[in-house]
Amino acid sequence: MLVTTTPNIEGKRITRYLGLVSGEAILGANIVKDVFASITDIVGGRSASYEGELRHAKELAISEMELKAQSLGGNAVIGVDLDYETIGKGSMLMVSASGTAVLCEG
């Protein structure tokens, strides 16, 4: 399935717009990762554990969105927007992906 943030797909013709599709992923943060992330924050650098969680949540949200587009008969999703939020007291991470399911050829 082709997924893009652009409103069209170069070299392809959109034949049908099938509607809005979205996917969400909510993941809990592990206390051990929280401790190591706060140490990283204090001494500087990147928190690989949180970066991995973000990547995983993004992949889950996009996959769910693709499944919904496929169930509508689509073969692509255009105009995709990704949003990242923390829920609760920062203990949960939510990633949402939304876009327009389309049928394209070419």
C-alpha atoms as a PDB file:
ATOM      1  CA  MET A   1       0.000   0.000   0.000  1.00  0.00           C
ATOM      2  CA  LEU A   2       1.340   3.415  -0.966  1.00  0.00           C
ATOM      3  CA  VAL A   3       1.205   5.932   1.899  1.00  0.00           C
ATOM      4  CA  THR A   4       2.163   9.562   1.348  1.00  0.00           C
ATOM      5  CA  THR A   5       1.852  12.943   3.021  1.00  0.00           C
ATOM      6  CA  THR A   6       1.243  14.635  -0.325  1.00  0.00           C
ATOM      7  CA  PRO A   7      -2.248  15.344  -1.730  1.00  0.00           C
ATOM      8  CA  ASN A   8      -1.524  13.405  -4.933  1.00  0.00           C
ATOM      9  CA  ILE A   9       0.800  10.706  -6.238  1.00  0.00           C
ATOM     10  CA  GLU A  10       3.090  11.670  -9.091  1.00  0.00           C
ATOM     11  CA  GLY A  11       2.648   9.397 -12.096  1.00  0.00           C
ATOM     12  CA  LYS A  12      -0.613   7.921 -10.801  1.00  0.00           C
ATOM     13  CA  ARG A  13      -4.211   8.952 -11.389  1.00  0.00           C
ATOM     14  CA  ILE A  14      -6.602   8.907  -8.456  1.00  0.00           C
ATOM     15  CA  THR A  15      -9.855   7.355  -9.660  1.00  0.00           C
ATOM     16  CA  ARG A  16     -11.821   7.333  -6.388  1.00  0.00           C
ATOM     17  CA  TYR A  17     -11.643   9.059  -3.046  1.00  0.00           C
ATOM     18  CA  LEU A  18     -12.865   6.570  -0.443  1.00  0.00           C
ATOM     19  CA  GLY A  19     -12.844   8.675   2.698  1.00  0.00           C
ATOM     20  CA  LEU A  20     -10.924   9.450   5.834  1.00  0.00           C
ATOM     21  CA  VAL A  21      -9.032   6.620   7.522  1.00  0.00           C
ATOM     22  CA  SER A  22      -7.075   6.673  10.745  1.00  0.00           C
ATOM     23  CA  GLY A  23      -5.062   4.451  13.021  1.00  0.00           C
ATOM     24  CA  GLU A  24      -3.982   4.876  16.602  1.00  0.00           C
ATOM     25  CA  ALA A  25      -1.435   3.224  18.852  1.00  0.00           C
ATOM     26  CA  ILE A  26      -1.191   3.765  22.585  1.00  0.00           C
ATOM     27  CA  LEU A  27       1.827   2.334  24.358  1.00  0.00           C
ATOM     28  CA  GLY A  28       2.794   2.389  28.004  1.00  0.00           C
ATOM     29  CA  ALA A  29       6.271   3.472  28.973  1.00  0.00           C
ATOM     30  CA  ASN A  30       8.332   1.005  30.984  1.00  0.00           C
ATOM     31  CA  ILE A  31       9.691   2.242  34.327  1.00  0.00           C
ATOM     32  CA  VAL A  32      13.205   0.935  33.544  1.00  0.00           C
ATOM     33  CA  LYS A  33      13.179   2.849  30.253  1.00  0.00           C
ATOM     34  CA  ASP A  34      11.953   5.945  32.139  1.00  0.00           C
ATOM     35  CA  VAL A  35      14.914   5.758  34.550  1.00  0.00           C
ATOM     36  CA  PHE A  36      17.471   5.371  31.755  1.00  0.00           C
ATOM     37  CA  ALA A  37      15.769   8.079  29.694  1.00  0.00           C
ATOM     38  CA  SER A  38      15.962  10.542  32.602  1.00  0.00           C
ATOM     39  CA  ILE A  39      19.678   9.768  33.038  1.00  0.00           C
ATOM     40  CA  THR A  40      20.167  10.390  29.316  1.00  0.00           C
ATOM     41  CA  ASP A  41      18.228  13.650  29.636  1.00  0.00           C
ATOM     42  CA  ILE A  42      20.479  14.768  32.505  1.00  0.00           C
ATOM     43  CA  VAL A  43      23.806  13.937  30.854  1.00  0.00           C
ATOM     44  CA  GLY A  44      22.630  14.744  27.329  1.00  0.00           C
ATOM     45  CA  GLY A  45      22.260  12.594  24.257  1.00  0.00           C
ATOM     46  CA  ARG A  46      19.460  10.652  22.687  1.00  0.00           C
ATOM     47  CA  SER A  47      17.138   8.230  24.410  1.00  0.00           C
ATOM     48  CA  ALA A  48      17.263   5.143  22.181  1.00  0.00           C
ATOM     49  CA  SER A  49      14.579   3.354  24.199  1.00  0.00           C
ATOM     50  CA  TYR A  50      12.033   6.137  23.661  1.00  0.00           C
ATOM     51  CA  GLU A  51      13.031   6.530  20.019  1.00  0.00           C
ATOM     52  CA  GLY A  52      12.361   2.822  19.548  1.00  0.00           C
ATOM     53  CA  GLU A  53       8.957   3.108  21.238  1.00  0.00           C
ATOM     54  CA  LEU A  54       8.051   6.070  19.021  1.00  0.00           C
ATOM     55  CA  ARG A  55       9.031   4.171  15.864  1.00  0.00           C
ATOM     56  CA  HIS A  56       7.033   1.124  16.970  1.00  0.00           C
ATOM     57  CA  ALA A  57       3.937   3.199  17.806  1.00  0.00           C
ATOM     58  CA  LYS A  58       4.172   5.023  14.459  1.00  0.00           C
ATOM     59  CA  GLU A  59       4.397   1.726  12.556  1.00  0.00           C
ATOM     60  CA  LEU A  60       1.369   0.337  14.431  1.00  0.00           C
ATOM     61  CA  ALA A  61      -0.735   3.440  13.733  1.00  0.00           C
ATOM     62  CA  ILE A  62       0.166   3.465  10.030  1.00  0.00           C
ATOM     63  CA  SER A  63      -0.523  -0.277   9.703  1.00  0.00           C
ATOM     64  CA  GLU A  64      -3.961   0.145  11.269  1.00  0.00           C
ATOM     65  CA  MET A  65      -4.695   3.049   8.909  1.00  0.00           C
ATOM     66  CA  GLU A  66      -3.598   0.951   5.903  1.00  0.00           C
ATOM     67  CA  LEU A  67      -5.899  -1.919   6.955  1.00  0.00           C
ATOM     68  CA  LYS A  68      -8.852   0.463   7.146  1.00  0.00           C
ATOM     69  CA  ALA A  69      -8.030   1.879   3.693  1.00  0.00           C
ATOM     70  CA  GLN A  70      -7.761  -1.638   2.293  1.00  0.00           C
ATOM     71  CA  SER A  71     -11.143  -2.582   3.790  1.00  0.00           C
ATOM     72  CA  LEU A  72     -12.665   0.344   1.855  1.00  0.00           C
ATOM     73  CA  GLY A  73     -11.114  -0.943  -1.388  1.00  0.00           C
ATOM     74  CA  GLY A  74      -8.230   1.508  -1.457  1.00  0.00           C
ATOM     75  CA  ASN A  75      -4.694   0.886  -2.639  1.00  0.00           C
ATOM     76  CA  ALA A  76      -3.156   4.112  -1.304  1.00  0.00           C
ATOM     77  CA  VAL A  77      -3.532   6.716   1.434  1.00  0.00           C
ATOM     78  CA  ILE A  78      -2.773  10.351   0.660  1.00  0.00           C
ATOM     79  CA  GLY A  79      -2.458  13.482   2.801  1.00  0.00           C
ATOM     80  CA  VAL A  80      -1.210  11.496   5.795  1.00  0.00           C
ATOM     81  CA  ASP A  81      -0.718  13.372   9.061  1.00  0.00           C
ATOM     82  CA  LEU A  82       1.030  11.924  12.123  1.00  0.00           C
ATOM     83  CA  ASP A  83       0.367  13.248  15.617  1.00  0.00           C
ATOM     84  CA  TYR A  84       2.223  12.365  18.815  1.00  0.00           C
ATOM     85  CA  GLU A  85       0.750  12.922  22.295  1.00  0.00           C
ATOM     86  CA  THR A  86       1.398  11.830  25.844  1.00  0.00           C
ATOM     87  CA  ILE A  87      -1.551  10.620  27.892  1.00  0.00           C
ATOM     88  CA  GLY A  88      -1.856  10.587  31.662  1.00  0.00           C
ATOM     89  CA  LYS A  89       1.132  11.889  33.553  1.00  0.00           C
ATOM     90  CA  GLY A  90       3.420  11.186  30.619  1.00  0.00           C
ATOM     91  CA  SER A  91       3.199   7.453  31.226  1.00  0.00           C
ATOM     92  CA  MET A  92       1.411   6.633  27.965  1.00  0.00           C
ATOM     93  CA  LEU A  93       2.335   7.540  24.417  1.00  0.00           C
ATOM     94  CA  MET A  94      -0.270   7.907  21.673  1.00  0.00           C
ATOM     95  CA  VAL A  95       0.511   8.129  17.988  1.00  0.00           C
ATOM     96  CA  SER A  96      -2.287   8.727  15.518  1.00  0.00           C
ATOM     97  CA  ALA A  97      -2.099   8.579  11.733  1.00  0.00           C
ATOM     98  CA  SER A  98      -4.853   9.875   9.469  1.00  0.00           C
ATOM     99  CA  GLY A  99      -5.262  10.376   5.763  1.00  0.00           C
ATOM    100  CA  THR A 100      -7.565   9.875   2.779  1.00  0.00           C
ATOM    101  CA  ALA A 101      -8.003   6.386   1.353  1.00  0.00           C
ATOM    102  CA  VAL A 102      -7.951   6.425  -2.440  1.00  0.00           C
ATOM    103  CA  LEU A 103      -8.003   4.069  -5.391  1.00  0.00           C
ATOM    104  CA  CYS A 104      -5.365   4.936  -7.938  1.00  0.00           C
ATOM    105  CA  GLU A 105      -4.051   3.486 -11.169  1.00  0.00           C
ATOM    106  CA  GLY A 106      -0.953   3.958 -13.233  1.00  0.00           C
END
